[in-house]
Amino acid sequence: MDTRSTVALNETEIRNTLEDWAAAVRARDVARIFAHYAPDIVAFDAIAQLQFKGGDAYRKHWETCMSMCTGAMIFEIHDLQITADADLAFAHALNRCGGTGPDGKEMSGWMRMTSCLRKQDGRWRIVHEHFSAPFDPQSNAALWLEP
């Protein structure tokens, strides 16, 4: 397979990996979510603490997030861009996430997402993840605006 074909195949595999990861989040399937992470994941999430090191710490964070959203989960990846070589890649996108409250009211916002992936044992795994929201420096309020 030539280089161009390899890159296209890797990008397709990564897109499929991230789509399955997002579907797992919507399904609240923590085991399936974590099938996509490397055990030594380092994550910078938008809430709770500055960083999470390792799968155990990040899994607890995801479990806490799931317990806060009692209704249907919203987790959509938009404008996904992928750059990959043979065994290392990064992807960035806009992510609309949130949930539906007990009253049926949707509560969601837009965040920025960057994921770094490494091919390990023939599978793409997320080794670094970063979620963030822009903020207004005058009010310190997060800006959850439409892109």
N, C-alpha and C. Protein backbone atom coordinates (compact mmCIF):
# COMPACT_ATOMS: atom_id res chain seq x y z
N MET A 1 0.85 -1.17 0.00
CA MET A 1 0.00 0.00 0.00
C MET A 1 0.90 1.24 0.00
N ASP A 2 0.57 2.20 -0.85
CA ASP A 2 1.38 3.41 -0.91
C ASP A 2 1.07 4.34 0.27
N THR A 3 1.90 5.35 0.43
CA THR A 3 1.78 6.27 1.57
C THR A 3 0.43 6.96 1.60
N ARG A 4 -0.04 7.42 0.46
CA ARG A 4 -1.32 8.12 0.39
C ARG A 4 -2.46 7.19 0.84
N SER A 5 -2.42 5.94 0.43
CA SER A 5 -3.45 4.98 0.83
C SER A 5 -3.38 4.68 2.32
N THR A 6 -2.16 4.57 2.85
CA THR A 6 -1.99 4.32 4.28
C THR A 6 -2.55 5.47 5.11
N VAL A 7 -2.26 6.69 4.70
CA VAL A 7 -2.77 7.86 5.41
C VAL A 7 -4.29 7.87 5.37
N ALA A 8 -4.88 7.62 4.22
CA ALA A 8 -6.34 7.59 4.09
C ALA A 8 -6.95 6.50 4.96
N LEU A 9 -6.34 5.33 5.00
CA LEU A 9 -6.83 4.24 5.84
C LEU A 9 -6.74 4.63 7.31
N ASN A 10 -5.61 5.20 7.73
CA ASN A 10 -5.45 5.62 9.12
C ASN A 10 -6.50 6.67 9.50
N GLU A 11 -6.72 7.64 8.63
CA GLU A 11 -7.72 8.67 8.92
C GLU A 11 -9.12 8.07 9.05
N THR A 12 -9.44 7.11 8.22
CA THR A 12 -10.74 6.43 8.31
C THR A 12 -10.85 5.65 9.61
N GLU A 13 -9.79 4.94 9.99
CA GLU A 13 -9.81 4.19 11.25
C GLU A 13 -9.97 5.13 12.44
N ILE A 14 -9.28 6.26 12.42
CA ILE A 14 -9.38 7.23 13.52
C ILE A 14 -10.77 7.84 13.58
N ARG A 15 -11.32 8.21 12.44
CA ARG A 15 -12.69 8.75 12.40
C ARG A 15 -13.67 7.73 12.98
N ASN A 16 -13.54 6.47 12.59
CA ASN A 16 -14.41 5.41 13.12
C ASN A 16 -14.22 5.24 14.63
N THR A 17 -12.96 5.31 15.08
CA THR A 17 -12.67 5.20 16.51
C THR A 17 -13.36 6.31 17.28
N LEU A 18 -13.24 7.55 16.81
CA LEU A 18 -13.83 8.68 17.50
C LEU A 18 -15.36 8.67 17.42
N GLU A 19 -15.90 8.19 16.32
CA GLU A 19 -17.36 8.07 16.21
C GLU A 19 -17.89 7.02 17.18
N ASP A 20 -17.18 5.90 17.33
CA ASP A 20 -17.61 4.88 18.28
C ASP A 20 -17.46 5.37 19.72
N TRP A 21 -16.39 6.11 19.99
CA TRP A 21 -16.18 6.70 21.32
C TRP A 21 -17.33 7.63 21.66
N ALA A 22 -17.73 8.50 20.72
CA ALA A 22 -18.84 9.43 20.96
C ALA A 22 -20.15 8.68 21.15
N ALA A 23 -20.36 7.63 20.39
CA ALA A 23 -21.58 6.81 20.55
C ALA A 23 -21.59 6.15 21.93
N ALA A 24 -20.42 5.73 22.40
CA ALA A 24 -20.33 5.13 23.74
C ALA A 24 -20.67 6.15 24.81
N VAL A 25 -20.25 7.40 24.62
CA VAL A 25 -20.60 8.46 25.58
C VAL A 25 -22.11 8.65 25.60
N ARG A 26 -22.73 8.75 24.44
CA ARG A 26 -24.18 8.93 24.37
C ARG A 26 -24.92 7.76 25.01
N ALA A 27 -24.33 6.57 24.91
CA ALA A 27 -24.94 5.37 25.49
C ALA A 27 -24.60 5.20 26.97
N ARG A 28 -23.74 6.08 27.50
CA ARG A 28 -23.30 6.02 28.90
C ARG A 28 -22.56 4.72 29.22
N ASP A 29 -21.87 4.20 28.24
CA ASP A 29 -21.16 2.93 28.36
C ASP A 29 -19.69 3.21 28.70
N VAL A 30 -19.40 3.32 29.99
CA VAL A 30 -18.06 3.71 30.43
C VAL A 30 -17.01 2.69 29.98
N ALA A 31 -17.33 1.42 30.02
CA ALA A 31 -16.36 0.40 29.58
C ALA A 31 -16.02 0.60 28.10
N ARG A 32 -17.02 0.87 27.29
CA ARG A 32 -16.79 1.09 25.85
C ARG A 32 -16.05 2.40 25.63
N ILE A 33 -16.36 3.44 26.40
CA ILE A 33 -15.62 4.70 26.30
C ILE A 33 -14.14 4.42 26.52
N PHE A 34 -13.83 3.68 27.59
CA PHE A 34 -12.44 3.48 27.97
C PHE A 34 -11.72 2.44 27.13
N ALA A 35 -12.42 1.72 26.29
CA ALA A 35 -11.75 0.84 25.33
C ALA A 35 -10.96 1.67 24.32
N HIS A 36 -11.28 2.96 24.21
CA HIS A 36 -10.63 3.84 23.25
C HIS A 36 -9.47 4.63 23.85
N TYR A 37 -9.23 4.52 25.14
CA TYR A 37 -8.16 5.25 25.79
C TYR A 37 -6.97 4.34 26.08
N ALA A 38 -5.78 4.90 25.97
CA ALA A 38 -4.58 4.20 26.42
C ALA A 38 -4.55 4.23 27.94
N PRO A 39 -4.00 3.21 28.58
CA PRO A 39 -3.94 3.19 30.06
C PRO A 39 -3.20 4.39 30.65
N ASP A 40 -2.27 4.96 29.89
CA ASP A 40 -1.49 6.09 30.40
C ASP A 40 -2.01 7.44 29.87
N ILE A 41 -3.30 7.51 29.59
CA ILE A 41 -3.93 8.74 29.10
C ILE A 41 -3.59 9.93 30.01
N VAL A 42 -3.32 11.06 29.40
CA VAL A 42 -3.22 12.33 30.11
C VAL A 42 -4.31 13.21 29.51
N ALA A 43 -5.21 13.70 30.35
CA ALA A 43 -6.35 14.46 29.86
C ALA A 43 -6.47 15.80 30.56
N PHE A 44 -6.79 16.80 29.78
CA PHE A 44 -7.10 18.14 30.28
C PHE A 44 -8.57 18.36 29.98
N ASP A 45 -9.40 18.14 30.96
CA ASP A 45 -10.83 18.29 30.76
C ASP A 45 -11.24 19.71 31.11
N ALA A 46 -12.42 20.09 30.71
CA ALA A 46 -12.88 21.47 30.94
C ALA A 46 -13.44 21.68 32.34
N ILE A 47 -13.70 20.60 33.07
CA ILE A 47 -14.28 20.74 34.41
C ILE A 47 -13.50 19.90 35.42
N ALA A 48 -13.68 20.25 36.65
CA ALA A 48 -13.20 19.52 37.84
C ALA A 48 -11.76 19.84 38.22
N GLN A 49 -10.78 19.36 37.49
CA GLN A 49 -9.41 19.60 37.91
C GLN A 49 -8.53 19.90 36.72
N LEU A 50 -7.32 20.33 37.00
CA LEU A 50 -6.41 20.79 35.96
C LEU A 50 -6.03 19.69 34.97
N GLN A 51 -5.76 18.49 35.48
CA GLN A 51 -5.39 17.38 34.60
C GLN A 51 -5.70 16.05 35.25
N PHE A 52 -5.81 15.05 34.42
CA PHE A 52 -6.03 13.67 34.87
C PHE A 52 -4.92 12.84 34.28
N LYS A 53 -4.24 12.06 35.11
CA LYS A 53 -3.15 11.20 34.65
C LYS A 53 -3.53 9.76 34.88
N GLY A 54 -3.61 9.01 33.80
CA GLY A 54 -3.91 7.60 33.89
C GLY A 54 -5.39 7.30 33.75
N GLY A 55 -5.64 6.10 33.27
CA GLY A 55 -7.01 5.67 33.01
C GLY A 55 -7.89 5.63 34.24
N ASP A 56 -7.35 5.22 35.38
CA ASP A 56 -8.17 5.13 36.59
C ASP A 56 -8.70 6.50 37.01
N ALA A 57 -7.85 7.50 37.01
CA ALA A 57 -8.26 8.85 37.41
C ALA A 57 -9.27 9.42 36.43
N TYR A 58 -9.01 9.22 35.14
CA TYR A 58 -9.92 9.79 34.14
C TYR A 58 -11.25 9.04 34.11
N ARG A 59 -11.22 7.75 34.35
CA ARG A 59 -12.46 6.96 34.40
C ARG A 59 -13.36 7.46 35.53
N LYS A 60 -12.79 7.72 36.69
CA LYS A 60 -13.58 8.24 37.81
C LYS A 60 -14.23 9.56 37.44
N HIS A 61 -13.49 10.39 36.74
CA HIS A 61 -14.03 11.67 36.29
C HIS A 61 -15.22 11.46 35.35
N TRP A 62 -15.08 10.57 34.38
CA TRP A 62 -16.16 10.28 33.45
C TRP A 62 -17.37 9.73 34.21
N GLU A 63 -17.15 8.86 35.18
CA GLU A 63 -18.26 8.31 35.95
C GLU A 63 -18.99 9.42 36.71
N THR A 64 -18.24 10.38 37.25
CA THR A 64 -18.85 11.52 37.94
C THR A 64 -19.67 12.35 36.96
N CYS A 65 -19.12 12.61 35.79
CA CYS A 65 -19.86 13.37 34.78
C CYS A 65 -21.15 12.67 34.38
N MET A 66 -21.09 11.36 34.23
CA MET A 66 -22.29 10.60 33.86
C MET A 66 -23.36 10.70 34.95
N SER A 67 -22.94 10.72 36.22
CA SER A 67 -23.91 10.79 37.30
C SER A 67 -24.57 12.16 37.39
N MET A 68 -23.92 13.20 36.86
CA MET A 68 -24.50 14.55 36.88
C MET A 68 -25.56 14.73 35.81
N CYS A 69 -25.47 13.99 34.72
CA CYS A 69 -26.43 14.10 33.62
C CYS A 69 -27.39 12.91 33.70
N THR A 70 -28.59 13.17 34.18
CA THR A 70 -29.52 12.06 34.40
C THR A 70 -30.37 11.75 33.18
N GLY A 71 -30.55 12.71 32.29
CA GLY A 71 -31.37 12.49 31.10
C GLY A 71 -30.54 12.00 29.93
N ALA A 72 -31.11 12.15 28.76
CA ALA A 72 -30.43 11.73 27.53
C ALA A 72 -29.14 12.54 27.36
N MET A 73 -28.07 11.86 26.96
CA MET A 73 -26.77 12.51 26.75
C MET A 73 -26.72 13.13 25.35
N ILE A 74 -26.12 14.29 25.28
CA ILE A 74 -25.82 14.95 24.02
C ILE A 74 -24.30 14.95 23.89
N PHE A 75 -23.79 14.40 22.81
CA PHE A 75 -22.35 14.36 22.60
C PHE A 75 -22.12 14.23 21.11
N GLU A 76 -21.89 15.36 20.46
CA GLU A 76 -21.76 15.41 19.01
C GLU A 76 -20.41 15.98 18.63
N ILE A 77 -19.77 15.36 17.66
CA ILE A 77 -18.49 15.85 17.14
C ILE A 77 -18.77 16.56 15.81
N HIS A 78 -18.31 17.80 15.70
CA HIS A 78 -18.51 18.60 14.49
C HIS A 78 -17.17 19.10 13.96
N ASP A 79 -17.08 19.23 12.65
CA ASP A 79 -15.89 19.80 11.99
C ASP A 79 -14.61 19.05 12.35
N LEU A 80 -14.69 17.74 12.41
CA LEU A 80 -13.54 16.91 12.77
C LEU A 80 -12.46 16.99 11.69
N GLN A 81 -11.24 17.30 12.13
CA GLN A 81 -10.06 17.33 11.26
C GLN A 81 -9.03 16.37 11.84
N ILE A 82 -8.44 15.56 10.98
CA ILE A 82 -7.49 14.54 11.41
C ILE A 82 -6.19 14.68 10.63
N THR A 83 -5.08 14.58 11.33
CA THR A 83 -3.76 14.51 10.72
C THR A 83 -3.08 13.27 11.28
N ALA A 84 -2.63 12.38 10.40
CA ALA A 84 -2.09 11.11 10.87
C ALA A 84 -0.89 10.68 10.04
N ASP A 85 0.01 9.95 10.72
CA ASP A 85 1.05 9.23 9.99
C ASP A 85 0.87 7.75 10.34
N ALA A 86 1.93 6.98 10.30
CA ALA A 86 1.80 5.54 10.47
C ALA A 86 1.29 5.12 11.86
N ASP A 87 1.73 5.81 12.93
CA ASP A 87 1.34 5.37 14.26
C ASP A 87 1.03 6.49 15.25
N LEU A 88 0.99 7.73 14.77
CA LEU A 88 0.68 8.86 15.63
C LEU A 88 -0.23 9.83 14.88
N ALA A 89 -1.22 10.36 15.60
CA ALA A 89 -2.18 11.24 14.94
C ALA A 89 -2.73 12.24 15.94
N PHE A 90 -3.27 13.33 15.40
CA PHE A 90 -4.05 14.22 16.24
C PHE A 90 -5.30 14.61 15.49
N ALA A 91 -6.32 14.90 16.27
CA ALA A 91 -7.61 15.30 15.70
C ALA A 91 -8.13 16.48 16.52
N HIS A 92 -8.81 17.37 15.85
CA HIS A 92 -9.45 18.45 16.58
C HIS A 92 -10.85 18.65 16.00
N ALA A 93 -11.74 19.14 16.87
CA ALA A 93 -13.14 19.30 16.47
C ALA A 93 -13.84 20.23 17.44
N LEU A 94 -15.05 20.56 17.10
CA LEU A 94 -15.95 21.21 18.03
C LEU A 94 -16.87 20.13 18.56
N ASN A 95 -17.18 20.23 19.84
CA ASN A 95 -17.98 19.18 20.48
C ASN A 95 -19.16 19.84 21.19
N ARG A 96 -20.36 19.42 20.82
CA ARG A 96 -21.55 19.88 21.54
C ARG A 96 -21.89 18.80 22.54
N CYS A 97 -21.88 19.18 23.81
CA CYS A 97 -22.15 18.17 24.82
C CYS A 97 -23.08 18.73 25.89
N GLY A 98 -23.74 17.82 26.54
CA GLY A 98 -24.67 18.18 27.60
C GLY A 98 -25.65 17.06 27.84
N GLY A 99 -26.79 17.43 28.32
CA GLY A 99 -27.79 16.43 28.62
C GLY A 99 -29.17 17.04 28.70
N THR A 100 -30.12 16.19 29.02
CA THR A 100 -31.50 16.60 29.19
C THR A 100 -31.85 16.42 30.65
N GLY A 101 -32.37 17.46 31.25
CA GLY A 101 -32.73 17.42 32.66
C GLY A 101 -34.01 16.64 32.90
N PRO A 102 -34.36 16.42 34.16
CA PRO A 102 -35.59 15.68 34.50
C PRO A 102 -36.84 16.34 33.94
N ASP A 103 -36.78 17.66 33.72
CA ASP A 103 -37.91 18.39 33.16
C ASP A 103 -37.95 18.31 31.64
N GLY A 104 -36.99 17.60 31.04
CA GLY A 104 -36.94 17.46 29.59
C GLY A 104 -36.22 18.60 28.90
N LYS A 105 -35.75 19.57 29.65
CA LYS A 105 -35.07 20.72 29.08
C LYS A 105 -33.62 20.37 28.75
N GLU A 106 -33.22 20.71 27.54
CA GLU A 106 -31.85 20.45 27.11
C GLU A 106 -30.91 21.49 27.69
N MET A 107 -29.78 20.99 28.21
CA MET A 107 -28.72 21.86 28.71
C MET A 107 -27.43 21.40 28.03
N SER A 108 -26.95 22.20 27.09
CA SER A 108 -25.76 21.80 26.36
C SER A 108 -24.93 23.03 26.02
N GLY A 109 -23.70 22.78 25.61
CA GLY A 109 -22.81 23.85 25.20
C GLY A 109 -21.76 23.33 24.24
N TRP A 110 -21.05 24.26 23.65
CA TRP A 110 -20.00 23.92 22.70
C TRP A 110 -18.64 24.00 23.37
N MET A 111 -17.81 23.04 23.06
CA MET A 111 -16.44 23.02 23.58
C MET A 111 -15.49 22.73 22.43
N ARG A 112 -14.21 23.02 22.70
CA ARG A 112 -13.16 22.67 21.74
C ARG A 112 -12.56 21.35 22.19
N MET A 113 -12.22 20.50 21.25
CA MET A 113 -11.68 19.18 21.57
C MET A 113 -10.44 18.92 20.72
N THR A 114 -9.40 18.44 21.37
CA THR A 114 -8.22 17.94 20.66
C THR A 114 -7.89 16.57 21.24
N SER A 115 -7.67 15.61 20.37
CA SER A 115 -7.28 14.26 20.79
C SER A 115 -6.01 13.86 20.06
N CYS A 116 -5.07 13.30 20.80
CA CYS A 116 -3.86 12.72 20.22
C CYS A 116 -4.00 11.22 20.34
N LEU A 117 -3.73 10.53 19.26
CA LEU A 117 -3.90 9.08 19.23
C LEU A 117 -2.59 8.41 18.81
N ARG A 118 -2.40 7.21 19.32
CA ARG A 118 -1.24 6.41 18.96
C ARG A 118 -1.75 5.01 18.60
N LYS A 119 -1.18 4.45 17.56
CA LYS A 119 -1.55 3.09 17.17
C LYS A 119 -0.79 2.13 18.07
N GLN A 120 -1.55 1.35 18.86
CA GLN A 120 -0.96 0.40 19.80
C GLN A 120 -1.60 -0.97 19.56
N ASP A 121 -0.78 -1.95 19.33
CA ASP A 121 -1.28 -3.32 19.06
C ASP A 121 -2.32 -3.33 17.96
N GLY A 122 -2.08 -2.53 16.92
CA GLY A 122 -2.96 -2.51 15.76
C GLY A 122 -4.23 -1.68 15.91
N ARG A 123 -4.41 -1.00 17.06
CA ARG A 123 -5.61 -0.18 17.29
C ARG A 123 -5.22 1.24 17.64
N TRP A 124 -6.00 2.20 17.18
CA TRP A 124 -5.79 3.58 17.55
C TRP A 124 -6.38 3.82 18.93
N ARG A 125 -5.59 4.37 19.83
CA ARG A 125 -6.03 4.68 21.19
C ARG A 125 -5.71 6.14 21.50
N ILE A 126 -6.60 6.76 22.25
CA ILE A 126 -6.41 8.15 22.65
C ILE A 126 -5.39 8.18 23.79
N VAL A 127 -4.28 8.89 23.56
CA VAL A 127 -3.23 9.01 24.58
C VAL A 127 -3.25 10.38 25.26
N HIS A 128 -3.87 11.34 24.61
CA HIS A 128 -4.02 12.66 25.20
C HIS A 128 -5.32 13.27 24.70
N GLU A 129 -6.02 13.94 25.61
CA GLU A 129 -7.29 14.56 25.25
C GLU A 129 -7.36 15.92 25.94
N HIS A 130 -7.93 16.88 25.23
CA HIS A 130 -8.05 18.23 25.79
C HIS A 130 -9.41 18.80 25.39
N PHE A 131 -10.21 19.13 26.39
CA PHE A 131 -11.47 19.83 26.18
C PHE A 131 -11.34 21.21 26.79
N SER A 132 -11.86 22.22 26.13
CA SER A 132 -11.85 23.56 26.71
C SER A 132 -13.01 24.37 26.15
N ALA A 133 -13.34 25.39 26.89
CA ALA A 133 -14.35 26.35 26.45
C ALA A 133 -13.72 27.73 26.50
N PRO A 134 -13.99 28.55 25.49
CA PRO A 134 -13.47 29.91 25.57
C PRO A 134 -14.16 30.64 26.73
N PHE A 135 -13.52 31.70 27.22
CA PHE A 135 -14.12 32.44 28.32
C PHE A 135 -13.95 33.93 28.09
N ASP A 136 -14.80 34.68 28.74
CA ASP A 136 -14.75 36.13 28.71
C ASP A 136 -13.82 36.58 29.83
N PRO A 137 -12.66 37.17 29.52
CA PRO A 137 -11.72 37.54 30.57
C PRO A 137 -12.23 38.65 31.51
N GLN A 138 -13.22 39.40 31.07
CA GLN A 138 -13.76 40.45 31.94
C GLN A 138 -14.68 39.88 33.02
N SER A 139 -15.44 38.85 32.66
CA SER A 139 -16.39 38.27 33.64
C SER A 139 -15.94 36.91 34.17
N ASN A 140 -14.93 36.31 33.54
CA ASN A 140 -14.49 34.95 33.84
C ASN A 140 -15.55 33.90 33.53
N ALA A 141 -16.57 34.25 32.76
CA ALA A 141 -17.64 33.32 32.41
C ALA A 141 -17.26 32.54 31.16
N ALA A 142 -17.56 31.24 31.20
CA ALA A 142 -17.35 30.41 30.01
C ALA A 142 -18.33 30.83 28.93
N LEU A 143 -17.90 30.75 27.69
CA LEU A 143 -18.74 31.11 26.56
C LEU A 143 -19.20 29.84 25.86
N TRP A 144 -20.44 29.49 26.03
CA TRP A 144 -21.01 28.27 25.47
C TRP A 144 -21.80 28.59 24.21
N LEU A 145 -21.25 29.40 23.34
CA LEU A 145 -21.95 29.89 22.16
C LEU A 145 -21.90 28.88 21.03
N GLU A 146 -22.86 29.02 20.13
CA GLU A 146 -22.84 28.22 18.91
C GLU A 146 -21.60 28.58 18.10
N PRO A 147 -21.02 27.61 17.39
CA PRO A 147 -19.82 27.90 16.59
C PRO A 147 -20.14 28.78 15.40
